Amino acid sequence: MPTLVNRQGATQNDRQLEALLVMARHTEDSTLIKRAGDPAILKWKDQQLDHLFDLGELGTSEGRQFLTALETTFSASHLSLGGAADLLIATIFLAKVMEGADNDELND
């Protein structure tokens, strides 16, 4: 959740995308394995995401270009980070709940 909440100066879309990428890097996504048909895809995915992080993620033009190319590769191979996407929506939900709780405390 820190990536989603604390990224100063980033758009909401960029914060959510970066949160997805961090979650994808640190999970064994069963949807990705099923789509690829081979658990070895996890090592490749981790290498790709590590390279993206080394490039500066969405904060650099190189990172954005690499992510665009990676998305093209995923689409062409019918790969999906569906498990990480499920984690992202749960994280967004919890962030909204926490935000609402904070607002309720301010109104009391």
N, C-alpha and C. Protein backbone atom coordinates (compact mmCIF):
# COMPACT_ATOMS: atom_id res chain seq x y z
N MET A 1 0.80 -1.20 0.00
CA MET A 1 0.00 0.00 0.00
C MET A 1 0.85 1.27 0.00
N PRO A 2 2.08 1.26 0.54
CA PRO A 2 2.89 2.49 0.51
C PRO A 2 3.10 3.03 -0.90
N THR A 3 3.32 2.16 -1.87
CA THR A 3 3.51 2.62 -3.25
C THR A 3 2.27 3.33 -3.76
N LEU A 4 1.12 2.82 -3.40
CA LEU A 4 -0.14 3.40 -3.85
C LEU A 4 -0.41 4.75 -3.20
N VAL A 5 -0.07 4.88 -1.92
CA VAL A 5 -0.44 6.07 -1.15
C VAL A 5 0.63 7.15 -1.16
N ASN A 6 1.90 6.77 -1.11
CA ASN A 6 2.97 7.73 -0.81
C ASN A 6 3.69 8.32 -2.00
N ARG A 7 3.41 7.94 -3.21
CA ARG A 7 4.16 8.41 -4.37
C ARG A 7 3.77 9.83 -4.70
N GLN A 8 4.58 10.78 -4.25
CA GLN A 8 4.30 12.21 -4.44
C GLN A 8 4.46 12.61 -5.91
N GLY A 9 3.54 13.44 -6.39
CA GLY A 9 3.65 14.00 -7.72
C GLY A 9 3.21 13.08 -8.85
N ALA A 10 2.84 11.85 -8.54
CA ALA A 10 2.41 10.91 -9.58
C ALA A 10 0.89 10.97 -9.71
N THR A 11 0.42 10.70 -10.90
CA THR A 11 -1.03 10.63 -11.11
C THR A 11 -1.57 9.39 -10.41
N GLN A 12 -2.87 9.37 -10.19
CA GLN A 12 -3.49 8.20 -9.57
C GLN A 12 -3.24 6.96 -10.43
N ASN A 13 -3.36 7.10 -11.73
CA ASN A 13 -3.13 5.98 -12.64
C ASN A 13 -1.70 5.46 -12.51
N ASP A 14 -0.72 6.36 -12.48
CA ASP A 14 0.68 5.93 -12.34
C ASP A 14 0.92 5.26 -11.00
N ARG A 15 0.33 5.80 -9.93
CA ARG A 15 0.49 5.17 -8.61
C ARG A 15 -0.09 3.76 -8.61
N GLN A 16 -1.25 3.60 -9.22
CA GLN A 16 -1.86 2.28 -9.27
C GLN A 16 -1.06 1.32 -10.14
N LEU A 17 -0.55 1.80 -11.25
CA LEU A 17 0.26 0.96 -12.12
C LEU A 17 1.55 0.55 -11.43
N GLU A 18 2.20 1.49 -10.75
CA GLU A 18 3.43 1.16 -10.03
C GLU A 18 3.15 0.18 -8.90
N ALA A 19 2.02 0.33 -8.22
CA ALA A 19 1.65 -0.63 -7.17
C ALA A 19 1.45 -2.02 -7.77
N LEU A 20 0.79 -2.08 -8.93
CA LEU A 20 0.61 -3.36 -9.61
C LEU A 20 1.96 -4.00 -9.93
N LEU A 21 2.88 -3.22 -10.44
CA LEU A 21 4.19 -3.75 -10.82
C LEU A 21 4.97 -4.25 -9.60
N VAL A 22 4.90 -3.52 -8.50
CA VAL A 22 5.58 -3.96 -7.28
C VAL A 22 4.96 -5.26 -6.78
N MET A 23 3.63 -5.34 -6.78
CA MET A 23 2.97 -6.57 -6.35
C MET A 23 3.32 -7.73 -7.28
N ALA A 24 3.34 -7.45 -8.57
CA ALA A 24 3.68 -8.50 -9.54
C ALA A 24 5.09 -9.02 -9.30
N ARG A 25 5.99 -8.13 -8.95
CA ARG A 25 7.39 -8.54 -8.72
C ARG A 25 7.52 -9.43 -7.49
N HIS A 26 6.66 -9.24 -6.52
CA HIS A 26 6.80 -9.95 -5.25
C HIS A 26 5.76 -11.04 -5.03
N THR A 27 5.12 -11.48 -6.10
CA THR A 27 4.14 -12.56 -5.98
C THR A 27 4.40 -13.62 -7.05
N GLU A 28 3.94 -14.82 -6.75
CA GLU A 28 3.95 -15.90 -7.73
C GLU A 28 2.54 -15.95 -8.32
N ASP A 29 2.37 -15.28 -9.41
CA ASP A 29 1.05 -15.07 -10.01
C ASP A 29 0.58 -16.34 -10.72
N SER A 30 -0.44 -16.99 -10.15
CA SER A 30 -0.92 -18.25 -10.73
C SER A 30 -1.60 -18.03 -12.08
N THR A 31 -2.18 -16.86 -12.30
CA THR A 31 -2.77 -16.57 -13.60
C THR A 31 -1.69 -16.52 -14.67
N LEU A 32 -0.58 -15.89 -14.35
CA LEU A 32 0.55 -15.82 -15.30
C LEU A 32 1.08 -17.21 -15.60
N ILE A 33 1.24 -18.03 -14.57
CA ILE A 33 1.74 -19.40 -14.77
C ILE A 33 0.78 -20.18 -15.66
N LYS A 34 -0.52 -20.08 -15.38
CA LYS A 34 -1.50 -20.82 -16.18
C LYS A 34 -1.47 -20.36 -17.64
N ARG A 35 -1.42 -19.06 -17.86
CA ARG A 35 -1.40 -18.56 -19.23
C ARG A 35 -0.13 -18.99 -19.97
N ALA A 36 1.00 -18.97 -19.27
CA ALA A 36 2.28 -19.33 -19.90
C ALA A 36 2.42 -20.84 -20.05
N GLY A 37 1.77 -21.58 -19.16
CA GLY A 37 1.89 -23.03 -19.20
C GLY A 37 3.19 -23.54 -18.61
N ASP A 38 3.94 -22.67 -17.91
CA ASP A 38 5.24 -23.06 -17.37
C ASP A 38 5.60 -22.14 -16.21
N PRO A 39 5.87 -22.71 -15.03
CA PRO A 39 6.26 -21.88 -13.88
C PRO A 39 7.54 -21.08 -14.10
N ALA A 40 8.34 -21.46 -15.09
CA ALA A 40 9.58 -20.72 -15.38
C ALA A 40 9.29 -19.28 -15.79
N ILE A 41 8.05 -19.00 -16.17
CA ILE A 41 7.68 -17.63 -16.55
C ILE A 41 7.92 -16.66 -15.40
N LEU A 42 7.85 -17.16 -14.16
CA LEU A 42 8.02 -16.28 -13.00
C LEU A 42 9.41 -15.67 -12.96
N LYS A 43 10.43 -16.47 -13.27
CA LYS A 43 11.80 -15.95 -13.28
C LYS A 43 11.95 -14.89 -14.37
N TRP A 44 11.41 -15.16 -15.54
CA TRP A 44 11.47 -14.20 -16.64
C TRP A 44 10.75 -12.91 -16.25
N LYS A 45 9.54 -13.04 -15.68
CA LYS A 45 8.77 -11.87 -15.24
C LYS A 45 9.56 -11.05 -14.24
N ASP A 46 10.18 -11.71 -13.27
CA ASP A 46 10.97 -11.00 -12.26
C ASP A 46 12.15 -10.26 -12.90
N GLN A 47 12.81 -10.90 -13.86
CA GLN A 47 13.93 -10.25 -14.55
C GLN A 47 13.46 -9.01 -15.30
N GLN A 48 12.33 -9.13 -15.97
CA GLN A 48 11.79 -7.99 -16.73
C GLN A 48 11.42 -6.84 -15.79
N LEU A 49 10.77 -7.16 -14.69
CA LEU A 49 10.37 -6.11 -13.75
C LEU A 49 11.58 -5.50 -13.04
N ASP A 50 12.57 -6.32 -12.72
CA ASP A 50 13.80 -5.77 -12.13
C ASP A 50 14.44 -4.77 -13.09
N HIS A 51 14.47 -5.11 -14.37
CA HIS A 51 15.04 -4.19 -15.36
C HIS A 51 14.22 -2.90 -15.43
N LEU A 52 12.91 -3.04 -15.42
CA LEU A 52 12.04 -1.86 -15.42
C LEU A 52 12.32 -0.97 -14.20
N PHE A 53 12.46 -1.57 -13.03
CA PHE A 53 12.75 -0.80 -11.82
C PHE A 53 14.12 -0.13 -11.93
N ASP A 54 15.09 -0.84 -12.51
CA ASP A 54 16.42 -0.25 -12.70
C ASP A 54 16.37 0.96 -13.63
N LEU A 55 15.44 0.94 -14.57
CA LEU A 55 15.29 2.06 -15.51
C LEU A 55 14.55 3.25 -14.89
N GLY A 56 13.98 3.06 -13.72
CA GLY A 56 13.27 4.16 -13.06
C GLY A 56 11.77 4.09 -13.19
N GLU A 57 11.26 2.93 -13.57
CA GLU A 57 9.82 2.72 -13.70
C GLU A 57 9.18 3.78 -14.58
N LEU A 58 8.06 4.32 -14.12
CA LEU A 58 7.31 5.30 -14.90
C LEU A 58 7.90 6.70 -14.79
N GLY A 59 8.90 6.85 -13.93
CA GLY A 59 9.51 8.16 -13.71
C GLY A 59 10.50 8.57 -14.77
N THR A 60 10.79 7.67 -15.71
CA THR A 60 11.73 8.00 -16.79
C THR A 60 11.13 7.60 -18.14
N SER A 61 11.58 8.26 -19.19
CA SER A 61 11.09 7.89 -20.52
C SER A 61 11.56 6.49 -20.89
N GLU A 62 12.77 6.11 -20.44
CA GLU A 62 13.27 4.76 -20.71
C GLU A 62 12.39 3.71 -20.04
N GLY A 63 11.98 3.99 -18.81
CA GLY A 63 11.11 3.07 -18.09
C GLY A 63 9.76 2.93 -18.77
N ARG A 64 9.20 4.04 -19.19
CA ARG A 64 7.90 4.00 -19.87
C ARG A 64 7.99 3.27 -21.21
N GLN A 65 9.07 3.49 -21.95
CA GLN A 65 9.25 2.79 -23.23
C GLN A 65 9.40 1.29 -23.01
N PHE A 66 10.17 0.92 -21.99
CA PHE A 66 10.35 -0.50 -21.70
C PHE A 66 9.03 -1.13 -21.28
N LEU A 67 8.26 -0.43 -20.47
CA LEU A 67 6.96 -0.96 -20.03
C LEU A 67 6.02 -1.14 -21.22
N THR A 68 6.04 -0.21 -22.15
CA THR A 68 5.21 -0.33 -23.35
C THR A 68 5.61 -1.56 -24.15
N ALA A 69 6.90 -1.78 -24.31
CA ALA A 69 7.39 -2.96 -25.03
C ALA A 69 7.02 -4.24 -24.28
N LEU A 70 7.12 -4.21 -22.96
CA LEU A 70 6.77 -5.38 -22.15
C LEU A 70 5.28 -5.68 -22.27
N GLU A 71 4.46 -4.66 -22.28
CA GLU A 71 3.01 -4.85 -22.44
C GLU A 71 2.71 -5.48 -23.80
N THR A 72 3.42 -5.06 -24.83
CA THR A 72 3.25 -5.65 -26.16
C THR A 72 3.61 -7.13 -26.14
N THR A 73 4.70 -7.47 -25.46
CA THR A 73 5.12 -8.87 -25.34
C THR A 73 4.07 -9.68 -24.60
N PHE A 74 3.57 -9.14 -23.50
CA PHE A 74 2.53 -9.84 -22.74
C PHE A 74 1.29 -10.05 -23.60
N SER A 75 0.85 -9.03 -24.30
CA SER A 75 -0.35 -9.14 -25.13
C SER A 75 -0.17 -10.16 -26.25
N ALA A 76 0.96 -10.11 -26.93
CA ALA A 76 1.22 -11.04 -28.03
C ALA A 76 1.26 -12.49 -27.56
N SER A 77 1.68 -12.70 -26.32
CA SER A 77 1.78 -14.05 -25.77
C SER A 77 0.56 -14.43 -24.93
N HIS A 78 -0.43 -13.56 -24.88
CA HIS A 78 -1.65 -13.78 -24.09
C HIS A 78 -1.34 -14.01 -22.61
N LEU A 79 -0.36 -13.27 -22.11
CA LEU A 79 0.01 -13.37 -20.70
C LEU A 79 -0.76 -12.33 -19.90
N SER A 80 -0.99 -12.63 -18.63
CA SER A 80 -1.75 -11.72 -17.78
C SER A 80 -1.22 -11.78 -16.35
N LEU A 81 -1.15 -10.63 -15.72
CA LEU A 81 -0.81 -10.53 -14.30
C LEU A 81 -2.11 -10.45 -13.50
N GLY A 82 -3.02 -11.37 -13.77
CA GLY A 82 -4.34 -11.35 -13.15
C GLY A 82 -4.30 -11.48 -11.64
N GLY A 83 -3.39 -12.28 -11.11
CA GLY A 83 -3.28 -12.42 -9.66
C GLY A 83 -2.85 -11.12 -9.01
N ALA A 84 -1.87 -10.46 -9.61
CA ALA A 84 -1.41 -9.17 -9.09
C ALA A 84 -2.51 -8.12 -9.24
N ALA A 85 -3.29 -8.20 -10.31
CA ALA A 85 -4.40 -7.26 -10.49
C ALA A 85 -5.45 -7.45 -9.40
N ASP A 86 -5.70 -8.70 -9.01
CA ASP A 86 -6.63 -8.94 -7.90
C ASP A 86 -6.11 -8.33 -6.61
N LEU A 87 -4.81 -8.47 -6.37
CA LEU A 87 -4.21 -7.86 -5.18
C LEU A 87 -4.31 -6.34 -5.24
N LEU A 88 -4.14 -5.78 -6.43
CA LEU A 88 -4.23 -4.33 -6.59
C LEU A 88 -5.62 -3.82 -6.22
N ILE A 89 -6.66 -4.47 -6.72
CA ILE A 89 -8.01 -3.98 -6.43
C ILE A 89 -8.31 -4.09 -4.95
N ALA A 90 -7.83 -5.14 -4.30
CA ALA A 90 -8.01 -5.26 -2.85
C ALA A 90 -7.27 -4.14 -2.13
N THR A 91 -6.08 -3.80 -2.61
CA THR A 91 -5.29 -2.72 -2.01
C THR A 91 -5.99 -1.37 -2.19
N ILE A 92 -6.52 -1.13 -3.38
CA ILE A 92 -7.25 0.12 -3.64
C ILE A 92 -8.46 0.21 -2.71
N PHE A 93 -9.18 -0.90 -2.58
CA PHE A 93 -10.34 -0.93 -1.69
C PHE A 93 -9.94 -0.58 -0.26
N LEU A 94 -8.88 -1.22 0.24
CA LEU A 94 -8.43 -0.94 1.61
C LEU A 94 -7.97 0.50 1.77
N ALA A 95 -7.30 1.04 0.76
CA ALA A 95 -6.87 2.44 0.82
C ALA A 95 -8.08 3.37 0.91
N LYS A 96 -9.13 3.06 0.14
CA LYS A 96 -10.35 3.88 0.18
C LYS A 96 -11.04 3.76 1.54
N VAL A 97 -11.07 2.55 2.10
CA VAL A 97 -11.67 2.36 3.42
C VAL A 97 -10.90 3.16 4.46
N MET A 98 -9.57 3.08 4.40
CA MET A 98 -8.75 3.82 5.35
C MET A 98 -8.93 5.32 5.16
N GLU A 99 -9.03 5.76 3.92
CA GLU A 99 -9.25 7.18 3.63
C GLU A 99 -10.58 7.63 4.22
N GLY A 100 -11.60 6.81 4.06
CA GLY A 100 -12.91 7.12 4.62
C GLY A 100 -12.89 7.16 6.13
N ALA A 101 -12.14 6.23 6.75
CA ALA A 101 -12.02 6.21 8.21
C ALA A 101 -11.32 7.47 8.69
N ASP A 102 -10.29 7.89 7.97
CA ASP A 102 -9.58 9.12 8.34
C ASP A 102 -10.51 10.33 8.24
N ASN A 103 -11.33 10.38 7.19
CA ASN A 103 -12.27 11.49 7.03
C ASN A 103 -13.34 11.47 8.11
N ASP A 104 -13.80 10.27 8.50
CA ASP A 104 -14.79 10.16 9.57
C ASP A 104 -14.23 10.68 10.88
N GLU A 105 -12.96 10.39 11.15
CA GLU A 105 -12.33 10.87 12.38
C GLU A 105 -12.24 12.39 12.38
N LEU A 106 -11.99 12.98 11.20
CA LEU A 106 -11.91 14.43 11.12
C LEU A 106 -13.27 15.08 11.36
N ASN A 107 -14.34 14.38 10.99
CA ASN A 107 -15.68 14.93 11.14
C ASN A 107 -16.26 14.73 12.54
N ASP A 108 -15.63 13.91 13.36
CA ASP A 108 -16.13 13.66 14.73
C ASP A 108 -15.78 14.78 15.67
